[in-house]
Protein backbone atom coordinates (compact mmCIF):
# COMPACT_ATOMS: atom_id res chain seq x y z
CA MET A 1 16.01 -16.51 4.10
CA GLY A 2 17.66 -15.95 0.74
CA GLY A 3 20.45 -13.73 -0.43
CA ALA A 4 24.13 -13.79 0.30
CA SER A 5 25.68 -11.71 3.02
CA TYR A 6 26.75 -8.20 2.03
CA THR A 7 28.46 -5.79 4.43
CA ALA A 8 28.08 -2.15 3.43
CA PRO A 9 30.84 0.34 4.31
CA ARG A 10 30.30 2.23 7.56
CA SER A 11 30.27 5.54 5.77
CA GLY A 12 29.76 6.48 2.18
CA THR A 13 28.30 4.21 -0.50
CA ALA A 14 29.59 1.54 -2.86
CA PHE A 15 28.35 2.07 -6.39
CA SER A 16 31.37 0.63 -8.27
CA ARG A 17 30.79 -2.36 -10.45
CA PRO A 18 32.04 -4.91 -7.85
CA GLY A 19 29.81 -3.25 -5.25
CA ILE A 20 26.74 -3.55 -7.43
CA SER A 21 27.59 -7.17 -8.21
CA ALA A 22 27.86 -7.96 -4.52
CA LYS A 23 24.55 -6.28 -3.84
CA LEU A 24 22.83 -8.20 -6.66
CA ALA A 25 24.22 -11.44 -5.21
CA ALA A 26 22.71 -10.46 -1.84
CA VAL A 27 19.19 -9.99 -3.28
CA PRO A 28 16.69 -12.62 -1.97
CA TRP A 29 15.72 -13.69 -5.47
CA THR A 30 13.08 -16.15 -4.26
CA LEU A 31 11.21 -13.23 -2.71
CA VAL A 32 11.60 -11.26 -5.94
CA LEU A 33 10.21 -14.18 -7.94
CA LEU A 34 7.20 -14.39 -5.62
CA ILE A 35 6.50 -10.71 -6.15
CA ALA A 36 6.81 -11.19 -9.93
CA GLY A 37 4.53 -14.20 -9.73
CA VAL A 38 1.76 -12.21 -8.11
CA ALA A 39 2.01 -9.54 -10.79
CA LEU A 40 1.91 -12.16 -13.55
CA ALA A 41 -1.17 -13.69 -11.94
CA GLY A 42 -2.76 -10.25 -12.08
CA THR A 43 -1.88 -10.03 -15.79
CA GLY A 44 -3.55 -13.39 -16.36
CA MET A 45 -6.75 -12.30 -14.62
CA LEU A 46 -6.84 -9.04 -16.56
CA PHE A 47 -6.59 -11.08 -19.77
CA SER A 48 -9.58 -13.15 -18.63
CA ILE A 49 -11.60 -9.96 -18.03
CA THR A 50 -10.70 -8.27 -21.30
CA TYR A 51 -9.86 -10.92 -23.91
CA ASP A 52 -13.25 -10.66 -25.65
CA LYS A 53 -13.62 -6.89 -25.14
CA PRO A 54 -11.72 -5.04 -27.93
CA ALA A 55 -11.94 -1.68 -26.13
CA GLU A 56 -10.05 -3.08 -23.11
CA ALA A 57 -7.84 -5.63 -24.86
CA GLY A 58 -4.68 -3.65 -24.18
CA LEU A 59 -5.02 -3.66 -20.36
CA PRO A 60 -3.04 -6.89 -19.71
CA ILE A 61 -0.09 -5.71 -21.84
CA ALA A 62 -0.18 -2.28 -20.24
CA HIS A 63 -0.22 -3.93 -16.79
CA LEU A 64 2.80 -6.04 -17.73
CA ILE A 65 4.71 -3.04 -19.12
CA ARG A 66 3.96 -1.03 -15.98
CA PHE A 67 5.19 -3.90 -13.84
CA GLY A 68 8.38 -4.07 -15.90
CA ILE A 69 9.04 -0.37 -15.32
CA ALA A 70 8.17 -0.66 -11.63
CA PHE A 71 10.43 -3.75 -11.33
CA VAL A 72 13.38 -1.74 -12.60
CA VAL A 73 12.51 1.03 -10.11
CA MET A 74 12.41 -1.58 -7.29
CA MET A 75 15.79 -2.98 -8.16
CA VAL A 76 17.39 0.45 -8.47
CA LEU A 77 16.01 1.44 -5.06
CA ALA A 78 17.24 -1.86 -3.61
CA MET A 79 20.82 -0.83 -4.44
CA VAL A 80 20.51 2.43 -2.45
CA PRO A 81 22.28 2.27 0.93
CA LEU A 82 20.21 2.83 4.07
CA SER A 83 22.36 5.87 4.93
CA VAL A 84 21.11 7.53 1.73
CA TRP A 85 17.49 6.60 2.51
CA SER A 86 17.95 8.11 5.93
CA ARG A 87 19.37 11.39 4.63
CA LEU A 88 16.59 11.69 2.06
CA ALA A 89 13.79 11.03 4.57
CA LEU A 90 13.21 14.61 5.81
CA PRO A 91 13.62 16.32 2.39
CA ALA A 92 11.25 13.80 0.78
CA TYR A 93 8.68 14.36 3.51
CA LEU A 94 8.89 18.16 3.33
CA VAL A 95 8.65 18.23 -0.50
CA SER A 96 5.66 15.85 -0.39
CA LEU A 97 4.01 17.99 2.27
CA ILE A 98 4.53 21.17 0.23
CA LEU A 99 3.01 19.44 -2.77
CA LEU A 100 -0.01 18.41 -0.69
CA PHE A 101 -0.52 22.05 0.38
CA ALA A 102 -0.21 23.03 -3.30
CA VAL A 103 -2.92 20.52 -4.19
CA GLU A 104 -5.17 22.08 -1.56
CA LEU A 105 -4.56 25.53 -2.99
CA ALA A 106 -4.36 24.92 -6.74
CA GLY A 107 -4.96 21.24 -7.42
CA SER A 108 -6.96 20.01 -10.40
CA VAL A 109 -10.31 18.29 -9.83
CA ARG A 110 -11.04 14.91 -11.40
CA GLY A 111 -14.01 12.75 -10.61
CA GLY A 112 -15.11 15.15 -7.88
CA ALA A 113 -11.79 14.91 -5.99
CA GLN A 114 -8.97 17.46 -5.84
CA ARG A 115 -5.99 15.12 -5.72
CA TRP A 116 -3.80 16.10 -8.67
CA LEU A 117 -1.22 18.80 -9.26
CA GLU A 118 -0.56 19.77 -12.84
CA ILE A 119 3.04 20.74 -13.56
CA GLY A 120 3.39 21.48 -17.25
CA PRO A 121 2.30 18.39 -19.19
CA LEU A 122 2.50 16.23 -16.05
CA ALA A 123 -0.28 15.51 -13.58
CA ILE A 124 1.08 14.12 -10.32
CA GLN A 125 -0.65 12.82 -7.21
CA PRO A 126 1.49 13.94 -4.23
CA SER A 127 -0.40 11.68 -1.82
CA GLU A 128 1.33 8.69 -3.41
CA PHE A 129 4.76 10.23 -2.74
CA MET A 130 3.80 10.84 0.87
CA LYS A 131 3.17 7.15 1.58
CA LEU A 132 6.82 6.19 1.28
CA ALA A 133 8.07 9.57 2.56
CA LEU A 134 6.07 9.14 5.79
CA VAL A 135 7.51 5.67 6.36
CA LEU A 136 11.05 7.02 5.89
CA VAL A 137 10.65 10.14 8.06
CA LEU A 138 9.08 8.18 10.94
CA ALA A 139 11.80 5.54 10.69
CA ARG A 140 14.45 8.24 10.84
CA TYR A 141 12.67 10.09 13.65
CA TYR A 142 12.55 7.06 15.91
CA HIS A 143 16.10 6.05 14.96
CA LEU A 144 17.27 9.42 16.31
CA ALA A 145 14.74 10.12 19.04
CA GLN A 146 15.06 6.89 20.94
CA ALA A 147 18.81 7.34 21.20
CA ARG A 148 18.28 10.79 22.71
CA GLU A 149 15.12 10.47 24.80
CA GLY A 150 14.30 6.81 25.38
CA GLY A 151 10.87 5.33 24.78
CA GLY A 152 8.51 7.48 26.92
CA PHE A 153 5.10 8.57 25.79
CA MET A 154 6.19 12.12 24.82
CA VAL A 155 8.54 10.73 22.16
CA HIS A 156 5.48 9.69 20.17
CA ILE A 157 3.85 13.13 20.01
CA PRO A 158 6.06 14.51 17.17
CA ALA A 159 5.63 11.24 15.28
CA ALA A 160 1.84 11.53 15.55
CA VAL A 161 2.04 15.10 14.20
CA LEU A 162 4.21 13.96 11.30
CA MET A 163 1.56 11.36 10.46
CA LEU A 164 -1.65 13.29 11.09
CA LEU A 165 -0.72 16.48 9.20
CA PRO A 166 -0.49 14.88 5.73
CA ALA A 167 -3.35 12.50 6.58
CA ALA A 168 -5.58 15.53 7.26
CA LEU A 169 -4.59 17.19 3.99
CA ILE A 170 -5.29 14.03 2.02
CA PHE A 171 -8.62 13.49 3.80
CA LEU A 172 -9.70 16.97 2.63
CA GLN A 173 -9.08 16.12 -1.05
CA PRO A 174 -11.10 13.83 -0.32
CA ASP A 175 -9.19 10.52 -0.49
CA PHE A 176 -10.28 8.31 2.38
CA GLY A 177 -8.43 5.23 1.09
CA THR A 178 -5.04 6.93 0.99
CA THR A 179 -5.71 8.56 4.35
CA LEU A 180 -6.26 5.12 5.89
CA THR A 181 -3.14 3.79 4.15
CA LEU A 182 -1.03 6.58 5.72
CA LEU A 183 -2.50 5.94 9.13
CA ALA A 184 -1.88 2.19 8.80
CA ALA A 185 1.76 2.58 7.67
CA GLY A 186 2.57 5.26 10.25
CA GLY A 187 0.55 3.54 12.96
CA ILE A 188 2.50 0.31 12.73
CA ILE A 189 5.82 2.16 13.07
CA ILE A 190 4.54 4.07 16.14
CA PHE A 191 3.23 0.84 17.63
CA LEU A 192 6.54 -0.99 17.08
CA ALA A 193 8.38 1.99 18.58
CA GLY A 194 6.82 1.08 21.92
CA LEU A 195 3.53 2.97 22.24
CA ASP A 196 1.76 1.68 25.37
CA TRP A 197 -1.37 -0.38 24.68
CA ARG A 198 -3.38 1.88 26.98
CA PHE A 199 -2.85 4.81 24.65
CA ILE A 200 -3.74 2.61 21.69
CA ALA A 201 -6.98 1.59 23.42
CA THR A 202 -7.73 5.22 24.23
CA GLY A 203 -7.15 6.23 20.60
CA ILE A 204 -9.51 3.48 19.39
CA ALA A 205 -12.16 4.60 21.88
CA VAL A 206 -11.86 8.22 20.79
CA GLY A 207 -12.14 7.13 17.15
CA VAL A 208 -15.30 5.11 17.83
CA LEU A 209 -16.91 7.90 19.86
CA SER A 210 -16.08 10.50 17.19
CA ALA A 211 -17.42 8.37 14.33
CA PRO A 212 -20.88 10.04 14.33
CA LEU A 213 -19.29 13.49 14.13
CA ILE A 214 -17.02 12.37 11.28
CA TYR A 215 -19.95 10.82 9.47
CA ASN A 216 -22.18 13.88 9.76
CA TYR A 217 -19.70 16.73 9.32
CA ALA A 218 -16.44 15.45 7.72
CA LEU A 219 -17.56 13.03 5.02
CA GLU A 220 -18.77 13.97 1.55
CA ASP A 221 -22.27 12.80 0.49
CA TYR A 222 -20.92 9.96 -1.64
CA GLN A 223 -18.70 8.80 1.24
CA ARG A 224 -21.71 8.76 3.59
CA GLY A 225 -23.52 6.73 0.96
CA ARG A 226 -20.75 4.13 0.96
CA VAL A 227 -20.83 3.93 4.76
CA ASP A 228 -24.63 3.45 4.61
CA ILE A 229 -24.25 0.62 2.13
CA PHE A 230 -21.55 -0.98 4.27
CA LEU A 231 -23.75 -0.86 7.39
CA GLU A 232 -26.67 -2.34 5.48
CA GLN A 233 -24.40 -5.15 4.30
CA ILE A 234 -23.43 -5.86 7.88
CA VAL A 235 -27.03 -6.25 9.06
CA GLY A 236 -28.37 -7.85 5.87
CA HIS A 237 -28.83 -7.21 2.16
CA SER A 238 -28.68 -3.71 0.79
CA SER A 239 -32.00 -1.87 0.45
CA ASP A 240 -30.71 -0.52 -2.86
CA ALA A 241 -29.34 -3.65 -4.50
CA LEU A 242 -29.82 -2.19 -7.97
CA GLY A 243 -28.36 1.21 -7.08
CA ASP A 244 -25.55 2.06 -4.67
CA GLY A 245 -25.41 -1.51 -3.35
CA TYR A 246 -25.24 -3.12 -6.79
CA GLN A 247 -21.46 -3.56 -6.89
CA ILE A 248 -21.22 -5.36 -3.57
CA GLU A 249 -24.25 -7.57 -4.30
CA GLN A 250 -22.76 -8.65 -7.60
CA ALA A 251 -19.37 -9.20 -6.01
CA LYS A 252 -20.90 -11.57 -3.44
CA ILE A 253 -22.70 -13.48 -6.20
CA ALA A 254 -19.42 -13.89 -8.11
CA ILE A 255 -17.49 -15.01 -5.02
CA GLY A 256 -20.19 -17.45 -3.93
CA SER A 257 -20.67 -18.96 -7.39
CA GLY A 258 -16.97 -19.85 -7.64
CA GLY A 259 -17.18 -22.48 -4.92
CA LEU A 260 -13.99 -24.37 -4.02
CA ARG A 261 -12.50 -24.84 -7.49
CA GLY A 262 -14.16 -22.10 -9.51
CA LYS A 263 -15.85 -22.23 -12.91
CA GLY A 264 -12.56 -22.38 -14.74
CA TYR A 265 -10.23 -19.80 -16.23
CA LEU A 266 -12.04 -17.57 -18.79
CA ASN A 267 -15.36 -19.09 -17.78
CA GLY A 268 -16.64 -16.62 -15.15
CA THR A 269 -20.22 -15.49 -15.74
CA GLN A 270 -20.11 -12.30 -13.69
CA SER A 271 -16.70 -11.29 -15.04
CA GLN A 272 -17.28 -12.11 -18.70
CA LEU A 273 -20.69 -10.39 -18.80
CA ASP A 274 -19.48 -7.30 -16.95
CA TYR A 275 -21.91 -7.53 -14.06
CA ILE A 276 -19.32 -6.13 -11.66
CA PRO A 277 -18.22 -2.52 -12.17
CA GLU A 278 -14.46 -1.83 -11.80
CA GLN A 279 -13.63 -5.53 -11.80
CA HIS A 280 -10.26 -4.85 -13.45
CA THR A 281 -9.24 -2.52 -10.62
CA ASP A 282 -10.59 -2.66 -7.04
CA PHE A 283 -12.78 -5.74 -7.57
CA VAL A 284 -10.37 -8.03 -9.42
CA LEU A 285 -10.55 -10.49 -6.51
CA THR A 286 -14.13 -11.35 -7.51
CA VAL A 287 -12.85 -12.62 -10.88
CA ILE A 288 -10.27 -14.82 -9.16
CA ALA A 289 -12.90 -16.15 -6.77
CA GLU A 290 -15.39 -16.94 -9.56
CA GLU A 291 -12.97 -18.52 -12.03
CA LEU A 292 -10.40 -20.13 -9.69
CA GLY A 293 -12.59 -20.56 -6.61
CA PHE A 294 -11.65 -20.63 -2.94
CA PHE A 295 -8.40 -22.45 -3.77
CA GLY A 296 -7.36 -19.68 -6.17
CA VAL A 297 -8.03 -16.88 -3.72
CA THR A 298 -6.33 -18.84 -0.91
CA GLY A 299 -3.28 -19.38 -3.10
CA LEU A 300 -3.02 -15.66 -3.81
CA LEU A 301 -3.38 -14.74 -0.14
CA LEU A 302 -0.88 -17.40 0.90
CA ALA A 303 1.63 -15.95 -1.57
CA TRP A 304 1.04 -12.53 -0.07
CA GLY A 305 1.40 -14.00 3.40
CA VAL A 306 4.85 -15.42 2.53
CA ILE A 307 5.94 -12.11 0.96
CA LEU A 308 4.81 -10.00 3.91
CA GLY A 309 6.19 -12.48 6.45
CA TRP A 310 9.51 -12.45 4.63
CA GLY A 311 9.47 -8.65 4.72
CA LEU A 312 8.96 -8.64 8.48
CA TYR A 313 11.76 -11.18 8.86
CA ILE A 314 14.06 -8.80 6.91
CA ALA A 315 13.02 -5.99 9.26
CA MET A 316 13.86 -8.09 12.31
CA LYS A 317 17.31 -8.99 11.03
CA CYS A 318 18.40 -5.39 10.30
CA SER A 319 20.99 -4.06 12.74
CA SER A 320 19.81 -0.43 12.61
CA ALA A 321 16.57 0.89 14.10
CA PHE A 322 16.04 2.95 10.95
CA GLY A 323 16.08 -0.17 8.77
CA ARG A 324 13.78 -2.11 11.08
CA TYR A 325 11.17 0.66 11.22
CA ALA A 326 11.43 1.46 7.50
CA ALA A 327 10.94 -2.15 6.39
CA SER A 328 8.12 -2.69 8.90
CA GLY A 329 6.31 0.43 7.75
CA ALA A 330 6.65 -0.56 4.10
CA VAL A 331 5.31 -4.04 4.82
CA GLY A 332 2.50 -2.55 6.87
CA MET A 333 1.48 -0.31 4.00
CA VAL A 334 1.24 -3.20 1.53
CA ALA A 335 -0.55 -5.37 4.11
CA PHE A 336 -3.17 -2.64 4.53
CA TYR A 337 -3.83 -2.65 0.81
CA ILE A 338 -4.46 -6.39 0.87
CA VAL A 339 -6.53 -6.58 4.06
CA PHE A 340 -8.72 -3.60 3.15
CA ASN A 341 -9.23 -4.77 -0.45
CA VAL A 342 -10.37 -8.21 0.69
CA GLY A 343 -12.63 -6.74 3.35
CA MET A 344 -14.05 -4.23 0.86
CA VAL A 345 -14.81 -6.86 -1.79
CA VAL A 346 -16.63 -9.22 0.60
CA GLY A 347 -18.61 -6.38 2.19
CA LEU A 348 -16.87 -6.31 5.58
CA LEU A 349 -15.41 -2.83 4.99
CA PRO A 350 -16.68 0.22 3.12
CA VAL A 351 -15.76 0.65 -0.56
CA VAL A 352 -13.09 3.37 -0.63
CA GLY A 353 -11.08 2.48 -3.72
CA VAL A 354 -8.19 0.39 -2.34
CA PRO A 355 -6.71 -1.92 -5.01
CA MET A 356 -5.27 -5.45 -4.65
CA PRO A 357 -1.51 -4.77 -4.97
CA LEU A 358 0.13 -5.88 -8.24
CA VAL A 359 -3.09 -7.68 -9.31
CA SER A 360 -5.45 -4.74 -9.85
CA TYR A 361 -4.91 -2.61 -12.94
CA GLY A 362 -3.34 0.75 -12.13
CA GLY A 363 0.12 2.22 -12.52
CA THR A 364 0.24 4.58 -9.52
CA ALA A 365 -0.49 1.96 -6.88
CA MET A 366 1.88 -0.47 -8.54
CA LEU A 367 4.74 2.02 -8.50
CA THR A 368 4.09 2.80 -4.85
CA VAL A 369 4.02 -0.88 -3.84
CA MET A 370 7.14 -1.76 -5.83
CA SER A 371 8.97 1.22 -4.37
CA ALA A 372 8.05 -0.09 -0.92
CA PHE A 373 9.50 -3.49 -1.86
CA GLY A 374 12.61 -1.71 -3.14
CA LEU A 375 13.02 -0.23 0.33
CA VAL A 376 12.54 -3.66 1.94
CA LEU A 377 15.14 -5.20 -0.34
CA SER A 378 17.53 -2.34 0.46
CA VAL A 379 17.08 -3.07 4.14
CA HIS A 380 17.99 -6.70 3.49
CA ILE A 381 21.03 -5.97 1.37
CA HIS A 382 22.37 -3.27 3.71
CA ARG A 383 21.17 -4.85 6.96
CA ARG A 384 24.62 -4.54 8.61
CA GLU A 385 25.13 -0.91 7.63
CA THR A 386 25.63 1.56 10.48
CA ILE A 387 23.30 4.58 10.30
CA SER A 388 24.35 7.85 11.90
CA ARG A 389 22.32 9.03 14.90
CA THR A 390 23.08 12.69 14.30
CA GLY A 391 21.28 15.31 12.25
CA LEU A 392 17.86 16.95 12.00
CA LEU A 393 14.74 14.98 12.95
């Protein structure tokens, strides 16, 4: 599915001009164009939201500039051999973990959450680094562990620790959305590594049974409020439709009013009159639904389906276990963004601040997603590369 064949050297890397040319020829450009198309669609919807609002008029251009920067990052990462990704996995994970501990000890608080670490003039969010680092370290772990120990249950214990430790630190910030993203990306790798379905069922049962304890003792007040609104939406309309439930109620009105074909581009009532808070970020799908209708939303989701399916196909065709797990984890992370955002917007999942990838406004999430695609493209380009099964972790 796209891209010429490129055979990487068995050891070392090829960064000479002919090597880079060969790698560029191996890029599946149709997939890259699909990714760019989704981002351009997001730019168009941001223009619809902001074109008559002078204070926000710069958002579409800023979104496009951020995508351009992230696109360059994606292509640079695509040129990196899998052997380099593998060697960087453990250092990247350890550095990200140290930064998460630093956030817990001395992180800055913004909007009631302690998620940022200020280093001179820079403010970084280590949880974003951990998303890709976790995918890499789990891919490397299983690449090495299965060669040594086989696929028994005990092989999954260290992997679970690698996943749960940063997830717990991020949950304490609190950042429930990123916590769930980590669990989704790591969980799909552990599942594909052969975890027995009985243990999966047991884990789900434990999670369900522990939900009341988590609700009462682990969640912040505002998080419990979001869960309450979600549960009210499941059984009927929110009892506080003008308060905490306002956003979801307005989102449903926008989605329902769009019908099959929508009201037309730039003609959305809910979007143009700002009835929906945060419609340029987490709730941008409501604008698409109102202006372009069911067909517009379906088109976006079909495009994502092709992109994610192509990513899984790339994972399947990689000759190394590291590449297969890394690409699968990266695809799983992006898929979680999409599924949770859709569920959140239509009221089937709690509102936890998960954006629609490449469509919602926001530079951090875009850079994370495009870096994940850079990893997937690297797996495709270097799919025949042999990865060493020696070393730490």
